[in-house]
Amino acid sequence: MPKNHEALGNEILDYLSKHPEAEDSLEGIVEWWLAEQRIIRPAAEVRAALDQLVARNQISARQGPDGRTHYRANPQRKP
């Protein structure tokens, strides 16, 4: 994972550690999760970081009823 994606992935994991029941789409993560932490990143960078976190099994992704992919902490992952 490129260094900037690694840092961004860590920010997403940090948010999830503070909000373990959180689940949202790419758009929601960009607009709410990261904005809350005052991190402004293009959606393409966030998507790349999310893809890496899913590939590492650190977070899970599922298709929501709205047709968008929703991301959340992986319940199988140990803290």
C-alpha atoms as a PDB file:
ATOM      1  CA  MET A   1       0.000   0.000   0.000  1.00  0.00           C
ATOM      2  CA  PRO A   2       1.471   3.423  -0.904  1.00  0.00           C
ATOM      3  CA  LYS A   3       2.495   5.465   2.119  1.00  0.00           C
ATOM      4  CA  ASN A   4      -0.385   7.964   1.791  1.00  0.00           C
ATOM      5  CA  HIS A   5      -2.897   5.091   1.484  1.00  0.00           C
ATOM      6  CA  GLU A   6      -1.341   3.393   4.512  1.00  0.00           C
ATOM      7  CA  ALA A   7      -1.807   6.551   6.599  1.00  0.00           C
ATOM      8  CA  LEU A   8      -5.343   6.967   5.317  1.00  0.00           C
ATOM      9  CA  GLY A   9      -6.113   3.326   6.067  1.00  0.00           C
ATOM     10  CA  ASN A  10      -4.863   3.873   9.605  1.00  0.00           C
ATOM     11  CA  GLU A  11      -7.194   6.878   9.964  1.00  0.00           C
ATOM     12  CA  ILE A  12     -10.144   4.743   8.861  1.00  0.00           C
ATOM     13  CA  LEU A  13      -9.175   2.005  11.329  1.00  0.00           C
ATOM     14  CA  ASP A  14      -8.800   4.652  14.052  1.00  0.00           C
ATOM     15  CA  TYR A  15     -12.310   5.913  13.350  1.00  0.00           C
ATOM     16  CA  LEU A  16     -13.662   2.367  13.525  1.00  0.00           C
ATOM     17  CA  SER A  17     -11.897   1.737  16.823  1.00  0.00           C
ATOM     18  CA  LYS A  18     -13.732   4.753  18.254  1.00  0.00           C
ATOM     19  CA  HIS A  19     -17.026   3.865  16.533  1.00  0.00           C
ATOM     20  CA  PRO A  20     -17.083   0.036  16.297  1.00  0.00           C
ATOM     21  CA  GLU A  21     -20.686  -0.115  15.056  1.00  0.00           C
ATOM     22  CA  ALA A  22     -20.092   2.410  12.260  1.00  0.00           C
ATOM     23  CA  GLU A  23     -20.917   1.398   8.691  1.00  0.00           C
ATOM     24  CA  ASP A  24     -21.044   3.643   5.647  1.00  0.00           C
ATOM     25  CA  SER A  25     -20.473   3.967   1.925  1.00  0.00           C
ATOM     26  CA  LEU A  26     -17.393   5.473   0.290  1.00  0.00           C
ATOM     27  CA  GLU A  27     -19.224   8.792   0.058  1.00  0.00           C
ATOM     28  CA  GLY A  28     -20.195   8.695   3.723  1.00  0.00           C
ATOM     29  CA  ILE A  29     -16.671   7.810   4.777  1.00  0.00           C
ATOM     30  CA  VAL A  30     -15.241  10.723   2.779  1.00  0.00           C
ATOM     31  CA  GLU A  31     -17.917  13.179   3.920  1.00  0.00           C
ATOM     32  CA  TRP A  32     -18.392  12.142   7.557  1.00  0.00           C
ATOM     33  CA  TRP A  33     -15.753   9.813   8.980  1.00  0.00           C
ATOM     34  CA  LEU A  34     -12.696  11.575   7.609  1.00  0.00           C
ATOM     35  CA  ALA A  35     -14.140  15.081   7.675  1.00  0.00           C
ATOM     36  CA  GLU A  36     -14.855  14.582  11.385  1.00  0.00           C
ATOM     37  CA  GLN A  37     -11.140  13.991  11.837  1.00  0.00           C
ATOM     38  CA  ARG A  38     -10.381  16.994   9.592  1.00  0.00           C
ATOM     39  CA  ILE A  39      -8.860  14.814   6.905  1.00  0.00           C
ATOM     40  CA  ILE A  40      -9.709  15.933   3.380  1.00  0.00           C
ATOM     41  CA  ARG A  41      -8.879  13.367   0.696  1.00  0.00           C
ATOM     42  CA  PRO A  42     -10.158  12.704  -2.809  1.00  0.00           C
ATOM     43  CA  ALA A  43     -12.617   9.821  -3.016  1.00  0.00           C
ATOM     44  CA  ALA A  44     -10.220   7.892  -5.304  1.00  0.00           C
ATOM     45  CA  GLU A  45      -7.560   7.854  -2.561  1.00  0.00           C
ATOM     46  CA  VAL A  46     -10.111   6.768   0.032  1.00  0.00           C
ATOM     47  CA  ARG A  47     -11.389   3.991  -2.257  1.00  0.00           C
ATOM     48  CA  ALA A  48      -7.818   2.719  -2.776  1.00  0.00           C
ATOM     49  CA  ALA A  49      -7.207   2.678   0.988  1.00  0.00           C
ATOM     50  CA  LEU A  50     -10.554   0.922   1.578  1.00  0.00           C
ATOM     51  CA  ASP A  51      -9.751  -1.677  -1.093  1.00  0.00           C
ATOM     52  CA  GLN A  52      -6.432  -2.424   0.625  1.00  0.00           C
ATOM     53  CA  LEU A  53      -8.099  -2.709   4.057  1.00  0.00           C
ATOM     54  CA  VAL A  54     -10.678  -5.130   2.626  1.00  0.00           C
ATOM     55  CA  ALA A  55      -7.943  -7.145   0.893  1.00  0.00           C
ATOM     56  CA  ARG A  56      -6.101  -7.407   4.228  1.00  0.00           C
ATOM     57  CA  ASN A  57      -9.348  -8.490   5.904  1.00  0.00           C
ATOM     58  CA  GLN A  58      -9.110  -5.507   8.282  1.00  0.00           C
ATOM     59  CA  ILE A  59     -12.559  -4.220   7.328  1.00  0.00           C
ATOM     60  CA  SER A  60     -15.499  -5.809   5.558  1.00  0.00           C
ATOM     61  CA  ALA A  61     -17.516  -4.601   2.599  1.00  0.00           C
ATOM     62  CA  ARG A  62     -21.044  -5.478   1.564  1.00  0.00           C
ATOM     63  CA  GLN A  63     -23.591  -4.207  -0.920  1.00  0.00           C
ATOM     64  CA  GLY A  64     -26.159  -2.039   0.848  1.00  0.00           C
ATOM     65  CA  PRO A  65     -29.829  -1.712  -0.011  1.00  0.00           C
ATOM     66  CA  ASP A  66     -28.969   1.540  -1.789  1.00  0.00           C
ATOM     67  CA  GLY A  67     -26.733  -0.393  -4.221  1.00  0.00           C
ATOM     68  CA  ARG A  68     -23.528   1.150  -2.877  1.00  0.00           C
ATOM     69  CA  THR A  69     -20.766  -0.725  -1.121  1.00  0.00           C
ATOM     70  CA  HIS A  70     -20.827  -0.210   2.639  1.00  0.00           C
ATOM     71  CA  TYR A  71     -17.754  -0.660   4.807  1.00  0.00           C
ATOM     72  CA  ARG A  72     -17.484  -1.532   8.484  1.00  0.00           C
ATOM     73  CA  ALA A  73     -15.123  -3.031  11.006  1.00  0.00           C
ATOM     74  CA  ASN A  74     -14.514  -6.685  10.277  1.00  0.00           C
ATOM     75  CA  PRO A  75     -16.240  -8.600  13.078  1.00  0.00           C
ATOM     76  CA  GLN A  76     -13.741 -11.450  12.510  1.00  0.00           C
ATOM     77  CA  ARG A  77     -10.767  -9.177  13.148  1.00  0.00           C
ATOM     78  CA  LYS A  78      -9.136  -9.234  16.543  1.00  0.00           C
ATOM     79  CA  PRO A  79      -8.602  -5.783  18.148  1.00  0.00           C
END
